[in-house]
Amino acid sequence: PAQFLLGRRLAHCSRDLLDPRWVMRPVS
């Protein structure tokens, strides 16, 4: 379950990092 939680968080972070609408938002 913990690995699933971490994987889903990272998946959403990756999607936002690749989304042009979020390009000006800091990575953190």
mmCIF file of all heavy atoms, coordinates in Angstrom:
data_MODEL
# 
_entry.id   MODEL 
# 
loop_
_atom_site.group_PDB 
_atom_site.id 
_atom_site.type_symbol 
_atom_site.label_atom_id 
_atom_site.label_alt_id 
_atom_site.label_comp_id 
_atom_site.label_asym_id 
_atom_site.label_entity_id 
_atom_site.label_seq_id 
_atom_site.pdbx_PDB_ins_code 
_atom_site.Cartn_x 
_atom_site.Cartn_y 
_atom_site.Cartn_z 
_atom_site.occupancy 
_atom_site.B_iso_or_equiv 
_atom_site.pdbx_formal_charge 
_atom_site.auth_seq_id 
_atom_site.auth_comp_id 
_atom_site.auth_asym_id 
_atom_site.auth_atom_id 
_atom_site.pdbx_PDB_model_num 
ATOM 1   N N   . PRO A 1 1  ? 0.817  -1.221 0.000   1.00 0.00 ? 1  PRO A N   1 
ATOM 2   C CA  . PRO A 1 1  ? 0.000  0.000  0.000   1.00 0.00 ? 1  PRO A CA  1 
ATOM 3   C C   . PRO A 1 1  ? 0.850  1.271  0.000   1.00 0.00 ? 1  PRO A C   1 
ATOM 4   O O   . PRO A 1 1  ? 0.513  2.243  -0.684  1.00 0.00 ? 1  PRO A O   1 
ATOM 5   C CB  . PRO A 1 1  ? -0.821 -0.132 1.288   1.00 0.00 ? 1  PRO A CB  1 
ATOM 6   C CG  . PRO A 1 1  ? -0.872 -1.580 1.578   1.00 0.00 ? 1  PRO A CG  1 
ATOM 7   C CD  . PRO A 1 1  ? 0.422  -2.144 1.080   1.00 0.00 ? 1  PRO A CD  1 
ATOM 8   N N   . ALA A 1 2  ? 1.952  1.268  0.774   1.00 0.00 ? 2  ALA A N   1 
ATOM 9   C CA  . ALA A 1 2  ? 2.809  2.457  0.822   1.00 0.00 ? 2  ALA A CA  1 
ATOM 10  C C   . ALA A 1 2  ? 3.457  2.715  -0.535  1.00 0.00 ? 2  ALA A C   1 
ATOM 11  O O   . ALA A 1 2  ? 3.593  3.878  -0.958  1.00 0.00 ? 2  ALA A O   1 
ATOM 12  C CB  . ALA A 1 2  ? 3.876  2.284  1.908   1.00 0.00 ? 2  ALA A CB  1 
ATOM 13  N N   . GLN A 1 3  ? 3.870  1.654  -1.226  1.00 0.00 ? 3  GLN A N   1 
ATOM 14  C CA  . GLN A 1 3  ? 4.453  1.826  -2.555  1.00 0.00 ? 3  GLN A CA  1 
ATOM 15  C C   . GLN A 1 3  ? 3.411  2.345  -3.545  1.00 0.00 ? 3  GLN A C   1 
ATOM 16  O O   . GLN A 1 3  ? 3.720  3.170  -4.409  1.00 0.00 ? 3  GLN A O   1 
ATOM 17  C CB  . GLN A 1 3  ? 5.033  0.498  -3.041  1.00 0.00 ? 3  GLN A CB  1 
ATOM 18  C CG  . GLN A 1 3  ? 6.293  0.076  -2.317  1.00 0.00 ? 3  GLN A CG  1 
ATOM 19  C CD  . GLN A 1 3  ? 6.685  -1.360 -2.632  1.00 0.00 ? 3  GLN A CD  1 
ATOM 20  O OE1 . GLN A 1 3  ? 5.856  -2.191 -3.029  1.00 0.00 ? 3  GLN A OE1 1 
ATOM 21  N NE2 . GLN A 1 3  ? 7.965  -1.659 -2.473  1.00 0.00 ? 3  GLN A NE2 1 
ATOM 22  N N   . PHE A 1 4  ? 2.180  1.866  -3.408  1.00 0.00 ? 4  PHE A N   1 
ATOM 23  C CA  . PHE A 1 4  ? 1.103  2.360  -4.268  1.00 0.00 ? 4  PHE A CA  1 
ATOM 24  C C   . PHE A 1 4  ? 0.880  3.854  -4.036  1.00 0.00 ? 4  PHE A C   1 
ATOM 25  O O   . PHE A 1 4  ? 0.754  4.635  -4.984  1.00 0.00 ? 4  PHE A O   1 
ATOM 26  C CB  . PHE A 1 4  ? -0.182 1.579  -3.996  1.00 0.00 ? 4  PHE A CB  1 
ATOM 27  C CG  . PHE A 1 4  ? -1.368 2.070  -4.778  1.00 0.00 ? 4  PHE A CG  1 
ATOM 28  C CD1 . PHE A 1 4  ? -1.529 1.714  -6.114  1.00 0.00 ? 4  PHE A CD1 1 
ATOM 29  C CD2 . PHE A 1 4  ? -2.324 2.896  -4.187  1.00 0.00 ? 4  PHE A CD2 1 
ATOM 30  C CE1 . PHE A 1 4  ? -2.628 2.169  -6.845  1.00 0.00 ? 4  PHE A CE1 1 
ATOM 31  C CE2 . PHE A 1 4  ? -3.419 3.357  -4.913  1.00 0.00 ? 4  PHE A CE2 1 
ATOM 32  C CZ  . PHE A 1 4  ? -3.563 2.992  -6.247  1.00 0.00 ? 4  PHE A CZ  1 
ATOM 33  N N   . LEU A 1 5  ? 0.850  4.271  -2.756  1.00 0.00 ? 5  LEU A N   1 
ATOM 34  C CA  . LEU A 1 5  ? 0.670  5.685  -2.418  1.00 0.00 ? 5  LEU A CA  1 
ATOM 35  C C   . LEU A 1 5  ? 1.786  6.538  -3.020  1.00 0.00 ? 5  LEU A C   1 
ATOM 36  O O   . LEU A 1 5  ? 1.524  7.558  -3.670  1.00 0.00 ? 5  LEU A O   1 
ATOM 37  C CB  . LEU A 1 5  ? 0.645  5.845  -0.894  1.00 0.00 ? 5  LEU A CB  1 
ATOM 38  C CG  . LEU A 1 5  ? 0.761  7.269  -0.333  1.00 0.00 ? 5  LEU A CG  1 
ATOM 39  C CD1 . LEU A 1 5  ? -0.393 8.140  -0.813  1.00 0.00 ? 5  LEU A CD1 1 
ATOM 40  C CD2 . LEU A 1 5  ? 0.808  7.234  1.197   1.00 0.00 ? 5  LEU A CD2 1 
ATOM 41  N N   . LEU A 1 6  ? 3.038  6.117  -2.838  1.00 0.00 ? 6  LEU A N   1 
ATOM 42  C CA  . LEU A 1 6  ? 4.158  6.889  -3.373  1.00 0.00 ? 6  LEU A CA  1 
ATOM 43  C C   . LEU A 1 6  ? 4.099  6.933  -4.893  1.00 0.00 ? 6  LEU A C   1 
ATOM 44  O O   . LEU A 1 6  ? 4.304  7.989  -5.505  1.00 0.00 ? 6  LEU A O   1 
ATOM 45  C CB  . LEU A 1 6  ? 5.475  6.265  -2.914  1.00 0.00 ? 6  LEU A CB  1 
ATOM 46  C CG  . LEU A 1 6  ? 6.752  6.933  -3.441  1.00 0.00 ? 6  LEU A CG  1 
ATOM 47  C CD1 . LEU A 1 6  ? 6.837  8.393  -2.991  1.00 0.00 ? 6  LEU A CD1 1 
ATOM 48  C CD2 . LEU A 1 6  ? 7.992  6.155  -2.996  1.00 0.00 ? 6  LEU A CD2 1 
ATOM 49  N N   . GLY A 1 7  ? 3.789  5.802  -5.523  1.00 0.00 ? 7  GLY A N   1 
ATOM 50  C CA  . GLY A 1 7  ? 3.727  5.761  -6.973  1.00 0.00 ? 7  GLY A CA  1 
ATOM 51  C C   . GLY A 1 7  ? 2.661  6.682  -7.544  1.00 0.00 ? 7  GLY A C   1 
ATOM 52  O O   . GLY A 1 7  ? 2.870  7.345  -8.562  1.00 0.00 ? 7  GLY A O   1 
ATOM 53  N N   . ARG A 1 8  ? 1.504  6.746  -6.891  1.00 0.00 ? 8  ARG A N   1 
ATOM 54  C CA  . ARG A 1 8  ? 0.440  7.621  -7.382  1.00 0.00 ? 8  ARG A CA  1 
ATOM 55  C C   . ARG A 1 8  ? 0.825  9.092  -7.209  1.00 0.00 ? 8  ARG A C   1 
ATOM 56  O O   . ARG A 1 8  ? 0.537  9.925  -8.073  1.00 0.00 ? 8  ARG A O   1 
ATOM 57  C CB  . ARG A 1 8  ? -0.876 7.329  -6.641  1.00 0.00 ? 8  ARG A CB  1 
ATOM 58  C CG  . ARG A 1 8  ? -1.408 5.929  -6.866  1.00 0.00 ? 8  ARG A CG  1 
ATOM 59  C CD  . ARG A 1 8  ? -1.546 5.621  -8.352  1.00 0.00 ? 8  ARG A CD  1 
ATOM 60  N NE  . ARG A 1 8  ? -2.457 6.539  -8.998  1.00 0.00 ? 8  ARG A NE  1 
ATOM 61  C CZ  . ARG A 1 8  ? -2.339 6.939  -10.264 1.00 0.00 ? 8  ARG A CZ  1 
ATOM 62  N NH1 . ARG A 1 8  ? -1.335 6.524  -11.004 1.00 0.00 ? 8  ARG A NH1 1 
ATOM 63  N NH2 . ARG A 1 8  ? -3.226 7.762  -10.778 1.00 0.00 ? 8  ARG A NH2 1 
ATOM 64  N N   . ARG A 1 9  ? 1.465  9.425  -6.074  1.00 0.00 ? 9  ARG A N   1 
ATOM 65  C CA  . ARG A 1 9  ? 1.923  10.808 -5.901  1.00 0.00 ? 9  ARG A CA  1 
ATOM 66  C C   . ARG A 1 9  ? 2.930  11.198 -6.986  1.00 0.00 ? 9  ARG A C   1 
ATOM 67  O O   . ARG A 1 9  ? 2.829  12.277 -7.592  1.00 0.00 ? 9  ARG A O   1 
ATOM 68  C CB  . ARG A 1 9  ? 2.550  10.962 -4.510  1.00 0.00 ? 9  ARG A CB  1 
ATOM 69  C CG  . ARG A 1 9  ? 1.522  11.119 -3.396  1.00 0.00 ? 9  ARG A CG  1 
ATOM 70  C CD  . ARG A 1 9  ? 2.159  11.258 -2.042  1.00 0.00 ? 9  ARG A CD  1 
ATOM 71  N NE  . ARG A 1 9  ? 1.150  11.672 -1.069  1.00 0.00 ? 9  ARG A NE  1 
ATOM 72  C CZ  . ARG A 1 9  ? 1.227  11.438 0.228   1.00 0.00 ? 9  ARG A CZ  1 
ATOM 73  N NH1 . ARG A 1 9  ? 2.283  10.787 0.726   1.00 0.00 ? 9  ARG A NH1 1 
ATOM 74  N NH2 . ARG A 1 9  ? 0.265  11.855 1.043   1.00 0.00 ? 9  ARG A NH2 1 
ATOM 75  N N   . LEU A 1 10 ? 3.881  10.318 -7.236  1.00 0.00 ? 10 LEU A N   1 
ATOM 76  C CA  . LEU A 1 10 ? 4.897  10.618 -8.244  1.00 0.00 ? 10 LEU A CA  1 
ATOM 77  C C   . LEU A 1 10 ? 4.281  10.697 -9.639  1.00 0.00 ? 10 LEU A C   1 
ATOM 78  O O   . LEU A 1 10 ? 4.694  11.520 -10.457 1.00 0.00 ? 10 LEU A O   1 
ATOM 79  C CB  . LEU A 1 10 ? 5.999  9.562  -8.200  1.00 0.00 ? 10 LEU A CB  1 
ATOM 80  C CG  . LEU A 1 10 ? 6.887  9.609  -6.950  1.00 0.00 ? 10 LEU A CG  1 
ATOM 81  C CD1 . LEU A 1 10 ? 7.778  8.371  -6.894  1.00 0.00 ? 10 LEU A CD1 1 
ATOM 82  C CD2 . LEU A 1 10 ? 7.753  10.874 -6.934  1.00 0.00 ? 10 LEU A CD2 1 
ATOM 83  N N   . ALA A 1 11 ? 3.290  9.863  -9.908  1.00 0.00 ? 11 ALA A N   1 
ATOM 84  C CA  . ALA A 1 11 ? 2.627  9.904  -11.227 1.00 0.00 ? 11 ALA A CA  1 
ATOM 85  C C   . ALA A 1 11 ? 1.961  11.258 -11.455 1.00 0.00 ? 11 ALA A C   1 
ATOM 86  O O   . ALA A 1 11 ? 2.065  11.846 -12.536 1.00 0.00 ? 11 ALA A O   1 
ATOM 87  C CB  . ALA A 1 11 ? 1.609  8.774  -11.328 1.00 0.00 ? 11 ALA A CB  1 
ATOM 88  N N   . HIS A 1 12 ? 1.267  11.769 -10.437 1.00 0.00 ? 12 HIS A N   1 
ATOM 89  C CA  . HIS A 1 12 ? 0.609  13.070 -10.580 1.00 0.00 ? 12 HIS A CA  1 
ATOM 90  C C   . HIS A 1 12 ? 1.646  14.191 -10.688 1.00 0.00 ? 12 HIS A C   1 
ATOM 91  O O   . HIS A 1 12 ? 1.445  15.149 -11.450 1.00 0.00 ? 12 HIS A O   1 
ATOM 92  C CB  . HIS A 1 12 ? -0.324 13.316 -9.402  1.00 0.00 ? 12 HIS A CB  1 
ATOM 93  C CG  . HIS A 1 12 ? -1.618 12.567 -9.503  1.00 0.00 ? 12 HIS A CG  1 
ATOM 94  N ND1 . HIS A 1 12 ? -2.654 12.978 -10.318 1.00 0.00 ? 12 HIS A ND1 1 
ATOM 95  C CD2 . HIS A 1 12 ? -2.048 11.436 -8.896  1.00 0.00 ? 12 HIS A CD2 1 
ATOM 96  C CE1 . HIS A 1 12 ? -3.664 12.132 -10.214 1.00 0.00 ? 12 HIS A CE1 1 
ATOM 97  N NE2 . HIS A 1 12 ? -3.325 11.184 -9.357  1.00 0.00 ? 12 HIS A NE2 1 
ATOM 98  N N   . CYS A 1 13 ? 2.726  14.096 -9.942  1.00 0.00 ? 13 CYS A N   1 
ATOM 99  C CA  . CYS A 1 13 ? 3.790  15.103 -10.051 1.00 0.00 ? 13 CYS A CA  1 
ATOM 100 C C   . CYS A 1 13 ? 4.379  15.111 -11.455 1.00 0.00 ? 13 CYS A C   1 
ATOM 101 O O   . CYS A 1 13 ? 4.594  16.178 -12.047 1.00 0.00 ? 13 CYS A O   1 
ATOM 102 C CB  . CYS A 1 13 ? 4.891  14.822 -9.026  1.00 0.00 ? 13 CYS A CB  1 
ATOM 103 S SG  . CYS A 1 13 ? 4.426  15.132 -7.310  1.00 0.00 ? 13 CYS A SG  1 
ATOM 104 N N   . SER A 1 14 ? 4.636  13.924 -12.001 1.00 0.00 ? 14 SER A N   1 
ATOM 105 C CA  . SER A 1 14 ? 5.173  13.842 -13.357 1.00 0.00 ? 14 SER A CA  1 
ATOM 106 C C   . SER A 1 14 ? 4.222  14.480 -14.356 1.00 0.00 ? 14 SER A C   1 
ATOM 107 O O   . SER A 1 14 ? 4.644  15.244 -15.235 1.00 0.00 ? 14 SER A O   1 
ATOM 108 C CB  . SER A 1 14 ? 5.417  12.376 -13.720 1.00 0.00 ? 14 SER A CB  1 
ATOM 109 O OG  . SER A 1 14 ? 5.722  12.246 -15.093 1.00 0.00 ? 14 SER A OG  1 
ATOM 110 N N   . ARG A 1 15 ? 2.942  14.193 -14.216 1.00 0.00 ? 15 ARG A N   1 
ATOM 111 C CA  . ARG A 1 15 ? 1.963  14.744 -15.155 1.00 0.00 ? 15 ARG A CA  1 
ATOM 112 C C   . ARG A 1 15 ? 1.949  16.267 -15.089 1.00 0.00 ? 15 ARG A C   1 
ATOM 113 O O   . ARG A 1 15 ? 1.890  16.949 -16.131 1.00 0.00 ? 15 ARG A O   1 
ATOM 114 C CB  . ARG A 1 15 ? 0.583  14.171 -14.846 1.00 0.00 ? 15 ARG A CB  1 
ATOM 115 C CG  . ARG A 1 15 ? -0.469 14.507 -15.892 1.00 0.00 ? 15 ARG A CG  1 
ATOM 116 C CD  . ARG A 1 15 ? -1.677 13.609 -15.749 1.00 0.00 ? 15 ARG A CD  1 
ATOM 117 N NE  . ARG A 1 15 ? -2.288 13.737 -14.425 1.00 0.00 ? 15 ARG A NE  1 
ATOM 118 C CZ  . ARG A 1 15 ? -3.218 12.896 -13.963 1.00 0.00 ? 15 ARG A CZ  1 
ATOM 119 N NH1 . ARG A 1 15 ? -3.597 11.874 -14.692 1.00 0.00 ? 15 ARG A NH1 1 
ATOM 120 N NH2 . ARG A 1 15 ? -3.749 13.076 -12.774 1.00 0.00 ? 15 ARG A NH2 1 
ATOM 121 N N   . ASP A 1 16 ? 2.009  16.839 -13.885 1.00 0.00 ? 16 ASP A N   1 
ATOM 122 C CA  . ASP A 1 16 ? 2.015  18.301 -13.766 1.00 0.00 ? 16 ASP A CA  1 
ATOM 123 C C   . ASP A 1 16 ? 3.312  18.903 -14.302 1.00 0.00 ? 16 ASP A C   1 
ATOM 124 O O   . ASP A 1 16 ? 3.307  19.971 -14.915 1.00 0.00 ? 16 ASP A O   1 
ATOM 125 C CB  . ASP A 1 16 ? 1.826  18.707 -12.302 1.00 0.00 ? 16 ASP A CB  1 
ATOM 126 C CG  . ASP A 1 16 ? 0.377  18.566 -11.851 1.00 0.00 ? 16 ASP A CG  1 
ATOM 127 O OD1 . ASP A 1 16 ? -0.479 18.232 -12.696 1.00 0.00 ? 16 ASP A OD1 1 
ATOM 128 O OD2 . ASP A 1 16 ? 0.105  18.769 -10.653 1.00 0.00 ? 16 ASP A OD2 1 
ATOM 129 N N   . LEU A 1 17 ? 4.435  18.218 -14.065 1.00 0.00 ? 17 LEU A N   1 
ATOM 130 C CA  . LEU A 1 17 ? 5.712  18.725 -14.564 1.00 0.00 ? 17 LEU A CA  1 
ATOM 131 C C   . LEU A 1 17 ? 5.751  18.752 -16.089 1.00 0.00 ? 17 LEU A C   1 
ATOM 132 O O   . LEU A 1 17 ? 6.436  19.589 -16.685 1.00 0.00 ? 17 LEU A O   1 
ATOM 133 C CB  . LEU A 1 17 ? 6.867  17.867 -14.030 1.00 0.00 ? 17 LEU A CB  1 
ATOM 134 C CG  . LEU A 1 17 ? 7.199  18.042 -12.545 1.00 0.00 ? 17 LEU A CG  1 
ATOM 135 C CD1 . LEU A 1 17 ? 8.082  16.898 -12.065 1.00 0.00 ? 17 LEU A CD1 1 
ATOM 136 C CD2 . LEU A 1 17 ? 7.887  19.384 -12.292 1.00 0.00 ? 17 LEU A CD2 1 
ATOM 137 N N   . LEU A 1 18 ? 5.024  17.842 -16.729 1.00 0.00 ? 18 LEU A N   1 
ATOM 138 C CA  . LEU A 1 18 ? 4.994  17.782 -18.189 1.00 0.00 ? 18 LEU A CA  1 
ATOM 139 C C   . LEU A 1 18 ? 3.872  18.614 -18.794 1.00 0.00 ? 18 LEU A C   1 
ATOM 140 O O   . LEU A 1 18 ? 3.765  18.718 -20.014 1.00 0.00 ? 18 LEU A O   1 
ATOM 141 C CB  . LEU A 1 18 ? 4.842  16.320 -18.635 1.00 0.00 ? 18 LEU A CB  1 
ATOM 142 C CG  . LEU A 1 18 ? 5.966  15.369 -18.194 1.00 0.00 ? 18 LEU A CG  1 
ATOM 143 C CD1 . LEU A 1 18 ? 5.651  13.946 -18.639 1.00 0.00 ? 18 LEU A CD1 1 
ATOM 144 C CD2 . LEU A 1 18 ? 7.309  15.810 -18.732 1.00 0.00 ? 18 LEU A CD2 1 
ATOM 145 N N   . ASP A 1 19 ? 3.042  19.216 -17.948 1.00 0.00 ? 19 ASP A N   1 
ATOM 146 C CA  . ASP A 1 19 ? 1.895  19.992 -18.406 1.00 0.00 ? 19 ASP A CA  1 
ATOM 147 C C   . ASP A 1 19 ? 2.315  21.450 -18.640 1.00 0.00 ? 19 ASP A C   1 
ATOM 148 O O   . ASP A 1 19 ? 2.761  22.124 -17.711 1.00 0.00 ? 19 ASP A O   1 
ATOM 149 C CB  . ASP A 1 19 ? 0.791  19.933 -17.343 1.00 0.00 ? 19 ASP A CB  1 
ATOM 150 C CG  . ASP A 1 19 ? -0.523 20.538 -17.830 1.00 0.00 ? 19 ASP A CG  1 
ATOM 151 O OD1 . ASP A 1 19 ? -0.491 21.396 -18.737 1.00 0.00 ? 19 ASP A OD1 1 
ATOM 152 O OD2 . ASP A 1 19 ? -1.568 20.166 -17.285 1.00 0.00 ? 19 ASP A OD2 1 
ATOM 153 N N   . PRO A 1 20 ? 2.199  21.975 -19.877 1.00 0.00 ? 20 PRO A N   1 
ATOM 154 C CA  . PRO A 1 20 ? 2.603  23.360 -20.151 1.00 0.00 ? 20 PRO A CA  1 
ATOM 155 C C   . PRO A 1 20 ? 1.902  24.377 -19.266 1.00 0.00 ? 20 PRO A C   1 
ATOM 156 O O   . PRO A 1 20 ? 2.447  25.464 -19.009 1.00 0.00 ? 20 PRO A O   1 
ATOM 157 C CB  . PRO A 1 20 ? 2.223  23.550 -21.626 1.00 0.00 ? 20 PRO A CB  1 
ATOM 158 C CG  . PRO A 1 20 ? 2.144  22.183 -22.200 1.00 0.00 ? 20 PRO A CG  1 
ATOM 159 C CD  . PRO A 1 20 ? 1.694  21.291 -21.079 1.00 0.00 ? 20 PRO A CD  1 
ATOM 160 N N   . ARG A 1 21 ? 0.710  24.057 -18.760 1.00 0.00 ? 21 ARG A N   1 
ATOM 161 C CA  . ARG A 1 21 ? -0.016 25.006 -17.914 1.00 0.00 ? 21 ARG A CA  1 
ATOM 162 C C   . ARG A 1 21 ? 0.675  25.227 -16.577 1.00 0.00 ? 21 ARG A C   1 
ATOM 163 O O   . ARG A 1 21 ? 0.407  26.211 -15.883 1.00 0.00 ? 21 ARG A O   1 
ATOM 164 C CB  . ARG A 1 21 ? -1.447 24.508 -17.691 1.00 0.00 ? 21 ARG A CB  1 
ATOM 165 C CG  . ARG A 1 21 ? -2.289 24.490 -18.958 1.00 0.00 ? 21 ARG A CG  1 
ATOM 166 C CD  . ARG A 1 21 ? -3.619 23.815 -18.731 1.00 0.00 ? 21 ARG A CD  1 
ATOM 167 N NE  . ARG A 1 21 ? -3.464 22.426 -18.314 1.00 0.00 ? 21 ARG A NE  1 
ATOM 168 C CZ  . ARG A 1 21 ? -4.471 21.624 -18.027 1.00 0.00 ? 21 ARG A CZ  1 
ATOM 169 N NH1 . ARG A 1 21 ? -5.714 22.071 -18.101 1.00 0.00 ? 21 ARG A NH1 1 
ATOM 170 N NH2 . ARG A 1 21 ? -4.255 20.365 -17.668 1.00 0.00 ? 21 ARG A NH2 1 
ATOM 171 N N   . TRP A 1 22 ? 1.568  24.296 -16.175 1.00 0.00 ? 22 TRP A N   1 
ATOM 172 C CA  . TRP A 1 22 ? 2.263  24.401 -14.892 1.00 0.00 ? 22 TRP A CA  1 
ATOM 173 C C   . TRP A 1 22 ? 3.727  24.794 -15.042 1.00 0.00 ? 22 TRP A C   1 
ATOM 174 O O   . TRP A 1 22 ? 4.494  24.736 -14.085 1.00 0.00 ? 22 TRP A O   1 
ATOM 175 C CB  . TRP A 1 22 ? 2.170  23.058 -14.145 1.00 0.00 ? 22 TRP A CB  1 
ATOM 176 C CG  . TRP A 1 22 ? 0.814  22.790 -13.579 1.00 0.00 ? 22 TRP A CG  1 
ATOM 177 C CD1 . TRP A 1 22 ? -0.287 22.340 -14.240 1.00 0.00 ? 22 TRP A CD1 1 
ATOM 178 C CD2 . TRP A 1 22 ? 0.397  22.990 -12.224 1.00 0.00 ? 22 TRP A CD2 1 
ATOM 179 N NE1 . TRP A 1 22 ? -1.361 22.239 -13.388 1.00 0.00 ? 22 TRP A NE1 1 
ATOM 180 C CE2 . TRP A 1 22 ? -0.964 22.632 -12.141 1.00 0.00 ? 22 TRP A CE2 1 
ATOM 181 C CE3 . TRP A 1 22 ? 1.054  23.435 -11.068 1.00 0.00 ? 22 TRP A CE3 1 
ATOM 182 C CZ2 . TRP A 1 22 ? -1.684 22.705 -10.955 1.00 0.00 ? 22 TRP A CZ2 1 
ATOM 183 C CZ3 . TRP A 1 22 ? 0.331  23.493 -9.892  1.00 0.00 ? 22 TRP A CZ3 1 
ATOM 184 C CH2 . TRP A 1 22 ? -1.020 23.145 -9.838  1.00 0.00 ? 22 TRP A CH2 1 
ATOM 185 N N   . VAL A 1 23 ? 4.115  25.217 -16.256 1.00 0.00 ? 23 VAL A N   1 
ATOM 186 C CA  . VAL A 1 23 ? 5.532  25.419 -16.528 1.00 0.00 ? 23 VAL A CA  1 
ATOM 187 C C   . VAL A 1 23 ? 6.152  26.521 -15.667 1.00 0.00 ? 23 VAL A C   1 
ATOM 188 O O   . VAL A 1 23 ? 7.356  26.490 -15.373 1.00 0.00 ? 23 VAL A O   1 
ATOM 189 C CB  . VAL A 1 23 ? 5.740  25.712 -18.035 1.00 0.00 ? 23 VAL A CB  1 
ATOM 190 C CG1 . VAL A 1 23 ? 5.164  27.068 -18.409 1.00 0.00 ? 23 VAL A CG1 1 
ATOM 191 C CG2 . VAL A 1 23 ? 7.202  25.606 -18.416 1.00 0.00 ? 23 VAL A CG2 1 
ATOM 192 N N   . MET A 1 24 ? 5.361  27.497 -15.221 1.00 0.00 ? 24 MET A N   1 
ATOM 193 C CA  . MET A 1 24 ? 5.909  28.590 -14.415 1.00 0.00 ? 24 MET A CA  1 
ATOM 194 C C   . MET A 1 24 ? 5.854  28.307 -12.914 1.00 0.00 ? 24 MET A C   1 
ATOM 195 O O   . MET A 1 24 ? 6.341  29.099 -12.118 1.00 0.00 ? 24 MET A O   1 
ATOM 196 C CB  . MET A 1 24 ? 5.161  29.894 -14.723 1.00 0.00 ? 24 MET A CB  1 
ATOM 197 C CG  . MET A 1 24 ? 5.227  30.328 -16.178 1.00 0.00 ? 24 MET A CG  1 
ATOM 198 S SD  . MET A 1 24 ? 6.928  30.435 -16.797 1.00 0.00 ? 24 MET A SD  1 
ATOM 199 C CE  . MET A 1 24 ? 7.537  31.803 -15.806 1.00 0.00 ? 24 MET A CE  1 
ATOM 200 N N   . ARG A 1 25 ? 5.265  27.186 -12.522 1.00 0.00 ? 25 ARG A N   1 
ATOM 201 C CA  . ARG A 1 25 ? 5.181  26.861 -11.098 1.00 0.00 ? 25 ARG A CA  1 
ATOM 202 C C   . ARG A 1 25 ? 6.477  26.197 -10.641 1.00 0.00 ? 25 ARG A C   1 
ATOM 203 O O   . ARG A 1 25 ? 7.037  25.349 -11.350 1.00 0.00 ? 25 ARG A O   1 
ATOM 204 C CB  . ARG A 1 25 ? 4.017  25.905 -10.835 1.00 0.00 ? 25 ARG A CB  1 
ATOM 205 C CG  . ARG A 1 25 ? 2.665  26.450 -11.257 1.00 0.00 ? 25 ARG A CG  1 
ATOM 206 C CD  . ARG A 1 25 ? 2.243  27.628 -10.388 1.00 0.00 ? 25 ARG A CD  1 
ATOM 207 N NE  . ARG A 1 25 ? 0.917  28.118 -10.756 1.00 0.00 ? 25 ARG A NE  1 
ATOM 208 C CZ  . ARG A 1 25 ? -0.209 27.718 -10.187 1.00 0.00 ? 25 ARG A CZ  1 
ATOM 209 N NH1 . ARG A 1 25 ? -0.168 26.814 -9.215  1.00 0.00 ? 25 ARG A NH1 1 
ATOM 210 N NH2 . ARG A 1 25 ? -1.365 28.193 -10.575 1.00 0.00 ? 25 ARG A NH2 1 
ATOM 211 N N   . PRO A 1 26 ? 6.994  26.531 -9.463  1.00 0.00 ? 26 PRO A N   1 
ATOM 212 C CA  . PRO A 1 26 ? 8.217  25.888 -8.958  1.00 0.00 ? 26 PRO A CA  1 
ATOM 213 C C   . PRO A 1 26 ? 8.013  24.382 -8.812  1.00 0.00 ? 26 PRO A C   1 
ATOM 214 O O   . PRO A 1 26 ? 6.909  23.908 -8.503  1.00 0.00 ? 26 PRO A O   1 
ATOM 215 C CB  . PRO A 1 26 ? 8.438  26.551 -7.597  1.00 0.00 ? 26 PRO A CB  1 
ATOM 216 C CG  . PRO A 1 26 ? 7.662  27.830 -7.654  1.00 0.00 ? 26 PRO A CG  1 
ATOM 217 C CD  . PRO A 1 26 ? 6.494  27.578 -8.547  1.00 0.00 ? 26 PRO A CD  1 
ATOM 218 N N   . VAL A 1 27 ? 9.099  23.645 -9.024  1.00 0.00 ? 27 VAL A N   1 
ATOM 219 C CA  . VAL A 1 27 ? 9.050  22.186 -8.893  1.00 0.00 ? 27 VAL A CA  1 
ATOM 220 C C   . VAL A 1 27 ? 8.570  21.791 -7.498  1.00 0.00 ? 27 VAL A C   1 
ATOM 221 O O   . VAL A 1 27 ? 7.747  20.882 -7.337  1.00 0.00 ? 27 VAL A O   1 
ATOM 222 C CB  . VAL A 1 27 ? 10.439 21.588 -9.188  1.00 0.00 ? 27 VAL A CB  1 
ATOM 223 C CG1 . VAL A 1 27 ? 10.535 20.147 -8.714  1.00 0.00 ? 27 VAL A CG1 1 
ATOM 224 C CG2 . VAL A 1 27 ? 10.738 21.677 -10.680 1.00 0.00 ? 27 VAL A CG2 1 
ATOM 225 N N   . SER A 1 28 ? 9.077  22.462 -6.473  1.00 0.00 ? 28 SER A N   1 
ATOM 226 C CA  . SER A 1 28 ? 8.701  22.108 -5.111  1.00 0.00 ? 28 SER A CA  1 
ATOM 227 C C   . SER A 1 28 ? 7.208  22.303 -4.869  1.00 0.00 ? 28 SER A C   1 
ATOM 228 O O   . SER A 1 28 ? 6.580  21.530 -4.125  1.00 0.00 ? 28 SER A O   1 
ATOM 229 C CB  . SER A 1 28 ? 9.509  22.926 -4.101  1.00 0.00 ? 28 SER A CB  1 
ATOM 230 O OG  . SER A 1 28 ? 9.301  24.317 -4.313  1.00 0.00 ? 28 SER A OG  1 
# 
